[in-house]
Protein backbone atom coordinates (compact mmCIF):
# COMPACT_ATOMS: atom_id res chain seq x y z
CA UNK A 1 1.49 181.34 110.45
CA UNK A 2 1.23 177.81 109.14
CA UNK A 3 4.17 175.52 108.48
CA UNK A 4 3.90 175.83 104.66
CA UNK A 5 4.30 179.59 105.03
CA UNK A 6 7.30 179.15 107.31
CA UNK A 7 8.87 176.71 104.86
CA UNK A 8 8.23 179.11 101.98
CA UNK A 9 9.77 182.08 103.80
CA UNK A 10 12.77 179.97 104.84
CA UNK A 11 13.25 178.75 101.26
CA UNK A 12 12.96 182.28 99.91
CA UNK A 13 15.54 183.58 102.37
CA UNK A 14 18.09 180.81 101.88
CA UNK A 15 17.51 180.89 98.12
CA UNK A 16 18.46 184.56 98.12
CA UNK A 17 21.49 184.20 100.39
CA UNK A 18 23.22 180.97 99.39
CA UNK A 19 23.81 181.56 95.66
CA UNK A 20 25.01 185.13 96.25
CA UNK A 21 27.17 184.92 99.35
CA UNK A 22 29.93 182.78 97.84
CA UNK A 23 29.98 184.81 94.61
CA UNK A 24 30.02 188.07 96.56
CA UNK A 25 32.92 186.80 98.65
CA UNK A 26 34.82 185.86 95.50
CA UNK A 27 34.31 189.37 94.12
CA UNK A 28 36.41 190.78 96.96
CA UNK A 29 39.62 189.36 95.48
CA UNK A 30 41.77 190.74 92.71
CA UNK A 31 42.22 188.67 89.59
CA UNK A 32 45.83 188.00 90.55
CA UNK A 33 44.81 186.57 93.93
CA UNK A 34 43.49 183.19 92.86
CA UNK A 35 45.46 181.43 95.59
CA UNK A 36 43.68 183.55 98.21
CA UNK A 37 40.39 182.97 96.41
CA UNK A 38 40.84 179.22 96.80
CA UNK A 39 41.55 179.66 100.51
CA UNK A 40 38.43 181.79 100.78
CA UNK A 41 36.23 178.97 99.48
CA UNK A 42 37.86 176.55 101.92
CA UNK A 43 37.31 178.94 104.83
CA UNK A 44 33.79 179.68 103.60
CA UNK A 45 33.00 175.96 103.73
CA UNK A 46 34.80 175.78 107.08
CA UNK A 47 32.56 178.50 108.55
CA UNK A 48 29.39 176.81 107.24
CA UNK A 49 30.28 173.60 109.02
CA UNK A 50 31.34 175.45 112.16
CA UNK A 51 27.85 176.95 112.31
CA UNK A 52 26.31 173.56 111.61
CA UNK A 53 28.26 171.94 114.42
CA UNK A 54 27.36 174.67 116.94
CA UNK A 55 23.68 174.49 115.95
CA UNK A 56 23.63 170.69 116.17
CA UNK A 57 25.11 170.75 119.66
CA UNK A 58 23.39 173.87 121.04
CA UNK A 59 19.83 173.68 119.72
CA UNK A 60 18.84 170.37 121.41
CA UNK A 61 20.09 171.71 124.74
CA UNK A 62 18.09 174.92 124.35
CA UNK A 63 15.01 172.95 123.35
CA UNK A 64 15.35 170.67 126.38
CA UNK A 65 15.19 173.62 128.81
CA UNK A 66 11.93 174.32 130.65
CA UNK A 67 10.20 177.63 129.93
CA UNK A 68 6.73 179.20 129.82
CA UNK A 69 5.38 176.36 131.94
CA UNK A 70 6.31 173.74 129.34
CA UNK A 71 8.73 170.83 129.55
CA UNK A 72 10.44 172.00 126.36
CA UNK A 73 11.41 175.47 125.16
CA UNK A 74 11.05 175.82 121.40
CA UNK A 75 10.88 179.65 121.63
CA UNK A 76 14.41 179.61 123.04
CA UNK A 77 15.62 177.02 120.50
CA UNK A 78 14.40 179.18 117.61
CA UNK A 79 14.96 182.56 119.26
CA UNK A 80 18.71 182.26 119.90
CA UNK A 81 19.56 181.41 116.25
CA UNK A 82 17.26 184.27 115.17
CA UNK A 83 19.22 186.69 117.37
CA UNK A 84 22.49 185.42 115.88
CA UNK A 85 21.07 186.03 112.41
CA UNK A 86 20.12 189.60 113.31
CA UNK A 87 23.64 190.22 114.63
CA UNK A 88 25.09 188.82 111.39
CA UNK A 89 22.89 191.11 109.27
CA UNK A 90 23.85 194.17 111.33
CA UNK A 91 27.55 193.29 111.06
CA UNK A 92 27.21 192.85 107.30
CA UNK A 93 25.47 196.20 106.86
CA UNK A 94 27.98 198.06 109.04
CA UNK A 95 30.93 196.62 107.11
CA UNK A 96 29.34 197.11 103.68
CA UNK A 97 31.26 200.34 103.09
CA UNK A 98 34.47 198.31 102.75
CA UNK A 99 33.09 195.72 100.34
CA UNK A 100 33.59 195.71 96.61
CA UNK A 101 30.12 195.75 95.09
CA UNK A 102 29.92 195.39 91.33
CA UNK A 103 26.57 196.65 90.02
CA UNK A 104 24.54 194.05 88.09
CA UNK A 105 24.14 194.57 84.35
CA UNK A 106 20.71 193.31 83.35
CA UNK A 107 18.93 190.14 84.40
CA UNK A 108 21.02 187.01 83.67
CA UNK A 109 17.97 184.73 83.74
CA UNK A 110 16.26 186.78 81.04
CA UNK A 111 19.48 186.95 79.04
CA UNK A 112 19.86 183.17 79.14
CA UNK A 113 16.22 182.68 78.14
CA UNK A 114 16.50 185.09 75.19
CA UNK A 115 19.69 183.57 73.81
CA UNK A 116 18.41 180.03 74.34
CA UNK A 117 15.17 180.72 72.52
CA UNK A 118 17.09 182.25 69.61
CA UNK A 119 19.27 179.14 69.40
CA UNK A 120 16.24 176.84 69.52
CA UNK A 121 14.50 178.78 66.75
CA UNK A 122 17.60 178.63 64.56
CA UNK A 123 18.19 182.37 64.59
CA UNK A 124 21.55 184.09 64.97
CA UNK A 125 21.71 185.22 68.62
CA UNK A 126 24.94 187.12 68.00
CA UNK A 127 23.14 189.56 65.73
CA UNK A 128 20.23 189.94 68.15
CA UNK A 129 22.00 190.15 71.49
CA UNK A 130 25.71 190.55 70.80
CA UNK A 131 28.68 188.20 70.73
CA UNK A 132 29.59 188.73 74.39
CA UNK A 133 26.19 187.78 75.75
CA UNK A 134 26.00 184.69 73.56
CA UNK A 135 29.49 183.59 74.58
CA UNK A 136 28.53 184.07 78.24
CA UNK A 137 25.45 181.88 77.85
CA UNK A 138 27.40 179.16 76.06
CA UNK A 139 29.98 179.20 78.85
CA UNK A 140 27.18 178.95 81.42
CA UNK A 141 25.84 175.82 79.72
CA UNK A 142 29.31 174.27 79.70
CA UNK A 143 29.68 174.84 83.44
CA UNK A 144 26.20 173.41 84.07
CA UNK A 145 27.13 170.30 82.10
CA UNK A 146 29.88 169.64 84.64
CA UNK A 147 27.21 169.73 87.36
CA UNK A 148 25.17 166.91 85.78
CA UNK A 149 26.73 164.11 87.94
CA UNK A 150 26.38 166.08 91.19
CA UNK A 151 22.81 164.98 92.04
CA UNK A 152 24.21 161.48 92.56
CA UNK A 153 26.94 162.87 94.82
CA UNK A 154 24.34 164.61 96.98
CA UNK A 155 22.07 161.55 96.88
CA UNK A 156 24.74 159.60 98.74
CA UNK A 157 25.92 162.45 100.93
CA UNK A 158 22.46 163.35 102.27
CA UNK A 159 21.83 159.77 103.39
CA UNK A 160 24.09 160.46 106.35
CA UNK A 161 21.02 162.00 107.98
CA UNK A 162 18.62 159.21 107.04
CA UNK A 163 19.81 155.72 106.14
CA UNK A 164 23.03 155.98 108.11
CA UNK A 165 21.09 157.09 111.20
CA UNK A 166 18.84 154.03 110.82
CA UNK A 167 21.93 151.83 110.64
CA UNK A 168 23.40 153.47 113.75
CA UNK A 169 20.08 153.03 115.58
CA UNK A 170 20.60 149.27 115.41
CA UNK A 171 24.04 149.48 117.05
CA UNK A 172 25.36 149.56 120.61
CA UNK A 173 25.88 153.20 121.59
CA UNK A 174 27.14 152.74 125.14
CA UNK A 175 30.41 154.51 126.01
CA UNK A 176 31.48 154.29 129.68
CA UNK A 177 27.99 154.78 131.06
CA UNK A 178 27.04 157.34 128.43
CA UNK A 179 24.88 156.35 125.47
CA UNK A 180 25.68 157.98 122.14
CA UNK A 181 22.44 158.50 120.24
CA UNK A 182 22.26 157.61 116.53
CA UNK A 183 21.43 161.13 115.33
CA UNK A 184 24.36 162.51 117.34
CA UNK A 185 26.71 160.71 114.97
CA UNK A 186 25.92 163.46 112.45
CA UNK A 187 28.07 165.81 114.54
CA UNK A 188 31.18 163.96 113.39
CA UNK A 189 30.84 165.25 109.82
CA UNK A 190 31.18 168.98 110.62
CA UNK A 191 33.80 168.21 113.29
CA UNK A 192 35.87 166.30 110.74
CA UNK A 193 35.37 169.09 108.21
CA UNK A 194 36.82 171.60 110.69
CA UNK A 195 39.82 169.32 111.28
CA UNK A 196 40.41 168.12 107.73
CA UNK A 197 40.17 171.38 105.75
CA UNK A 198 43.34 172.78 107.39
CA UNK A 199 44.92 169.33 107.10
CA UNK A 200 44.26 169.20 103.37
CA UNK A 201 45.61 172.73 102.92
CA UNK A 202 48.79 172.22 104.96
CA UNK A 203 49.57 168.52 104.47
CA UNK A 204 47.56 166.66 101.83
CA UNK A 205 47.69 169.11 98.90
CA UNK A 206 51.40 169.97 99.29
CA UNK A 207 52.16 166.24 99.47
CA UNK A 208 50.09 165.60 96.33
CA UNK A 209 51.94 168.39 94.50
CA UNK A 210 55.24 166.92 95.62
CA UNK A 211 54.46 163.54 94.05
CA UNK A 212 53.12 165.14 90.88
CA UNK A 213 49.37 164.79 91.31
CA UNK A 214 47.09 167.64 90.11
CA UNK A 215 45.81 169.43 93.17
CA UNK A 216 45.13 173.12 92.98
CA UNK A 217 45.82 175.35 90.03
CA UNK A 218 48.07 175.99 87.07
CA UNK A 219 50.31 179.00 86.71
CA UNK A 220 50.04 181.30 83.71
CA UNK A 221 51.47 184.66 82.70
CA UNK A 222 48.95 187.45 82.34
CA UNK A 223 49.02 191.10 81.49
CA UNK A 224 46.88 194.10 82.37
CA UNK A 225 46.20 192.67 85.81
CA UNK A 226 48.20 194.03 88.69
CA UNK A 227 51.03 195.11 86.39
CA UNK A 228 54.47 194.45 87.79
CA UNK A 229 57.77 195.93 86.85
CA UNK A 230 58.08 193.74 83.80
CA UNK A 231 54.53 194.45 82.64
CA UNK A 232 53.33 190.94 83.49
CA UNK A 233 52.39 189.03 86.57
CA UNK A 234 52.07 185.40 87.51
CA UNK A 235 48.47 184.38 88.08
CA UNK A 236 47.54 181.06 89.65
CA UNK A 237 44.20 179.83 88.34
CA UNK A 238 42.19 176.67 88.85
CA UNK A 239 42.40 174.54 85.72
CA UNK A 240 39.62 172.25 84.55
CA UNK A 241 42.11 169.36 84.69
CA UNK A 242 42.87 169.95 88.37
CA UNK A 243 39.18 170.47 89.18
CA UNK A 244 38.24 167.27 87.36
CA UNK A 245 40.84 165.23 89.22
CA UNK A 246 39.73 166.53 92.59
CA UNK A 247 35.99 166.12 91.95
CA UNK A 248 36.37 162.61 90.55
CA UNK A 249 38.60 161.65 93.49
CA UNK A 250 35.93 162.97 95.84
CA UNK A 251 33.21 160.96 94.13
CA UNK A 252 35.30 157.79 94.31
CA UNK A 253 35.79 158.35 98.04
CA UNK A 254 32.05 158.90 98.54
CA UNK A 255 31.41 155.65 96.66
CA UNK A 256 34.00 153.90 98.86
CA UNK A 257 32.24 155.14 101.99
CA UNK A 258 29.09 153.30 100.94
CA UNK A 259 31.11 150.18 100.23
CA UNK A 260 32.41 150.38 103.81
CA UNK A 261 28.85 150.98 104.98
CA UNK A 262 27.72 147.90 103.06
CA UNK A 263 30.30 145.68 104.74
CA UNK A 264 29.30 147.08 108.15
CA UNK A 265 25.69 146.20 107.33
CA UNK A 266 26.79 142.70 106.27
CA UNK A 267 28.58 142.24 109.62
CA UNK A 268 25.44 143.36 111.45
CA UNK A 269 23.28 140.88 109.53
CA UNK A 270 25.78 138.10 110.25
CA UNK A 271 25.47 138.83 113.96
CA UNK A 272 21.71 138.46 113.80
CA UNK A 273 22.10 135.20 111.91
CA UNK A 274 24.71 133.90 114.36
CA UNK A 275 22.48 134.70 117.35
CA UNK A 276 19.53 132.89 115.77
CA UNK A 277 21.68 129.84 115.04
CA UNK A 278 23.00 129.83 118.62
CA UNK A 279 19.47 130.07 120.07
CA UNK A 280 17.28 127.84 117.86
CA UNK A 281 14.67 127.36 120.59
CA UNK A 282 13.96 131.08 120.91
CA UNK A 283 11.94 133.33 118.61
CA UNK A 284 14.16 134.35 115.69
CA UNK A 285 15.63 137.81 116.28
CA UNK A 286 15.62 140.72 113.86
CA UNK A 287 17.44 144.04 113.88
CA UNK A 288 14.54 145.50 115.85
CA UNK A 289 14.32 142.73 118.49
CA UNK A 290 17.99 141.75 118.90
CA UNK A 291 19.55 143.25 122.02
CA UNK A 292 21.83 146.07 120.91
CA UNK A 293 24.56 144.76 123.20
CA UNK A 294 24.85 141.87 120.73
CA UNK A 295 25.42 144.24 117.83
CA UNK A 296 28.41 146.21 116.56
CA UNK A 297 29.37 149.36 118.42
CA UNK A 298 28.10 152.63 117.00
CA UNK A 299 31.66 153.95 116.59
CA UNK A 300 32.12 151.32 113.88
CA UNK A 301 30.55 153.89 111.54
CA UNK A 302 33.42 156.39 112.05
CA UNK A 303 35.51 155.09 109.09
CA UNK A 304 32.67 155.58 106.60
CA UNK A 305 32.00 159.08 107.99
CA UNK A 306 35.69 159.93 107.67
CA UNK A 307 35.90 158.73 104.07
CA UNK A 308 32.73 160.53 102.93
CA UNK A 309 33.96 163.73 104.61
CA UNK A 310 37.24 163.55 102.67
CA UNK A 311 35.20 163.09 99.51
CA UNK A 312 33.08 166.11 100.42
CA UNK A 313 36.16 168.32 100.79
CA UNK A 314 37.55 167.24 97.45
CA UNK A 315 34.26 167.41 95.56
CA UNK A 316 32.02 170.08 97.07
CA UNK A 317 34.61 172.79 97.81
CA UNK A 318 36.19 172.28 94.39
CA UNK A 319 32.80 172.62 92.71
CA UNK A 320 32.17 175.95 94.46
CA UNK A 321 35.56 177.25 93.33
CA UNK A 322 35.07 175.87 89.82
CA UNK A 323 31.62 177.45 89.48
CA UNK A 324 33.04 180.84 90.40
CA UNK A 325 36.25 180.56 88.38
CA UNK A 326 34.67 179.46 85.10
CA UNK A 327 31.27 181.15 85.22
CA UNK A 328 30.80 184.36 83.20
CA UNK A 329 31.21 187.48 85.32
CA UNK A 330 27.52 188.38 85.03
CA UNK A 331 26.31 184.84 85.82
CA UNK A 332 28.35 183.69 88.81
CA UNK A 333 25.36 183.71 91.18
CA UNK A 334 23.33 181.81 88.59
CA UNK A 335 25.99 179.10 88.49
CA UNK A 336 26.08 178.90 92.28
CA UNK A 337 22.29 178.61 92.44
CA UNK A 338 22.28 175.83 89.84
CA UNK A 339 24.96 174.00 91.83
CA UNK A 340 22.76 174.22 94.92
CA UNK A 341 19.83 172.94 92.86
CA UNK A 342 21.74 169.70 92.28
CA UNK A 343 21.30 169.04 96.02
CA UNK A 344 17.51 169.06 95.62
CA UNK A 345 17.82 166.80 92.57
CA UNK A 346 19.91 164.42 94.66
CA UNK A 347 17.11 164.04 97.20
CA UNK A 348 14.72 163.24 94.36
CA UNK A 349 17.16 160.57 93.18
CA UNK A 350 17.05 159.00 96.65
CA UNK A 351 13.26 158.77 96.49
CA UNK A 352 13.37 157.16 93.04
CA UNK A 353 16.21 154.68 93.48
CA UNK A 354 15.24 153.59 96.99
CA UNK A 355 12.08 152.03 95.55
CA UNK A 356 14.21 149.50 93.65
CA UNK A 357 14.82 147.38 96.75
CA UNK A 358 14.08 147.52 100.47
CA UNK A 359 17.18 145.53 101.45
CA UNK A 360 19.66 147.87 103.12
CA UNK A 361 22.65 145.73 102.19
CA UNK A 362 21.83 145.84 98.47
CA UNK A 363 21.02 149.54 98.61
CA UNK A 364 24.44 150.45 100.00
CA UNK A 365 26.31 148.62 97.25
CA UNK A 366 23.84 149.88 94.64
CA UNK A 367 24.49 153.50 95.65
CA UNK A 368 28.23 152.86 95.60
CA UNK A 369 27.98 151.59 92.01
CA UNK A 370 25.79 154.55 90.99
CA UNK A 371 28.30 157.03 92.41
CA UNK A 372 31.15 155.28 90.66
CA UNK A 373 29.20 155.61 87.42
CA UNK A 374 28.73 159.32 88.17
CA UNK A 375 32.52 159.65 88.51
CA UNK A 376 33.00 158.15 85.05
CA UNK A 377 30.30 160.49 83.72
CA UNK A 378 32.14 163.44 85.28
CA UNK A 379 35.34 162.37 83.52
CA UNK A 380 33.58 162.08 80.16
CA UNK A 381 31.85 165.46 80.46
CA UNK A 382 34.98 167.30 81.58
CA UNK A 383 36.96 165.83 78.71
CA UNK A 384 34.35 167.13 76.27
CA UNK A 385 34.08 170.66 77.67
CA UNK A 386 37.67 171.20 78.78
CA UNK A 387 38.89 172.90 75.60
CA UNK A 388 36.01 175.42 75.22
CA UNK A 389 35.98 176.16 78.96
CA UNK A 390 39.69 176.98 78.95
CA UNK A 391 39.43 178.86 75.66
CA UNK A 392 36.78 181.17 77.10
CA UNK A 393 38.71 181.74 80.31
CA UNK A 394 42.12 182.22 78.65
CA UNK A 395 40.62 184.69 76.20
CA UNK A 396 39.85 186.97 79.12
CA UNK A 397 36.11 186.15 79.17
CA UNK A 398 33.99 186.61 76.10
CA UNK A 399 34.54 188.21 72.69
CA UNK A 400 34.44 191.96 72.49
CA UNK A 401 31.00 193.50 72.58
CA UNK A 402 29.21 194.25 69.37
CA UNK A 403 26.89 197.16 68.75
CA UNK A 404 24.05 195.24 70.34
CA UNK A 405 25.96 195.19 73.67
CA UNK A 406 27.37 198.68 73.62
CA UNK A 407 24.34 200.57 74.83
CA UNK A 408 23.61 198.14 77.66
CA UNK A 409 27.22 198.05 78.83
CA UNK A 410 27.56 201.82 78.74
CA UNK A 411 24.73 202.23 81.24
CA UNK A 412 26.65 200.56 84.04
CA UNK A 413 30.22 201.02 82.92
CA UNK A 414 31.01 204.12 84.93
CA UNK A 415 29.88 202.72 88.26
CA UNK A 416 31.37 199.31 87.58
CA UNK A 417 34.76 200.71 86.62
CA UNK A 418 34.85 202.94 89.66
CA UNK A 419 34.18 200.03 92.00
CA UNK A 420 36.10 197.29 90.26
CA UNK A 421 39.11 199.25 89.01
CA UNK A 422 41.36 198.37 91.98
CA UNK A 423 40.65 194.70 91.24
CA UNK A 424 41.52 194.85 87.55
CA UNK A 425 44.71 196.93 87.69
């Protein structure tokens, strides 16, 4: 099978898993368990990076082994992860009897297309498709508006595996007889994620709450959900204000990481210049020809990796939680898939903006300015959509169904109520 076919099958598989797994995990929690839901998204992100770290460390070692008469062993490097995936699928299937599985009601993509076309043509979608469906689609568009700045976030974040590796390749990687390779610096991101997520949960967020900064969620009184003795219960929910603060803070940190990276690059260029001035009789050195022992140490990049990782925790995890908390019940996977699509858009942004200049120093500061602009754009968008987002959520989702919705809802109501009843009591 050719590589395009392998890429297509891989894309199809990940495209089916990634948007659904986080939404499915969120469905396992009762509506009154928003605090646990937030921890789930943190642990979900924690597990992703744990797998990334293990794969980054283990796969090169498996590939380097000799097998089948070859100096390298790609069958082993691909086979071991494949076996792990089979084990994961079997474990998921075996445990499926204990999961809460809410049956889908219709095709959300078709619903969005129908309502959107009715709006474009100037017709009344409420009369054609019902008030609930139209309200759901409008809420979906509001959530997607919040995702507009995220391609720029991913544009900077993904350069850890490209431009930052090139920068590290020009540095001195020697550590007590061992040489740290440039691409091995990528391991620090998942390692820091594993260390910092618990730190943020136990130390950073409580400290921020103590000094009055918005961190997690607001507390509201709700009824008809997990009724207590007084007929009401306290539900902690993520507010758009808290989410905005965290995502903007994350973007500012990501921008700051590229500022740090820019100053590191400036120091590296100054070293090349200083060497050339000290050796005028020799051929002028460049990054490629200058002895790496004359350059900065590769661990100089740790501060920028630390800062961008903190920004990732604040921005990416919050976006996952926000997409689930504010998306319509029938469109949570759609929101997650659109959030993942912003990653692809970010890579396209890198291709476009990198053509502006070939100078690394200018590119780092340019990307920092772009990300700072994206943070301001995030603030503007969230201010505009905050009221309708909260109004939809506080109203207990969408308006009551009209006659146009009744028949469709009736078809799946029995099964849905039977499965979801414990989570709506």
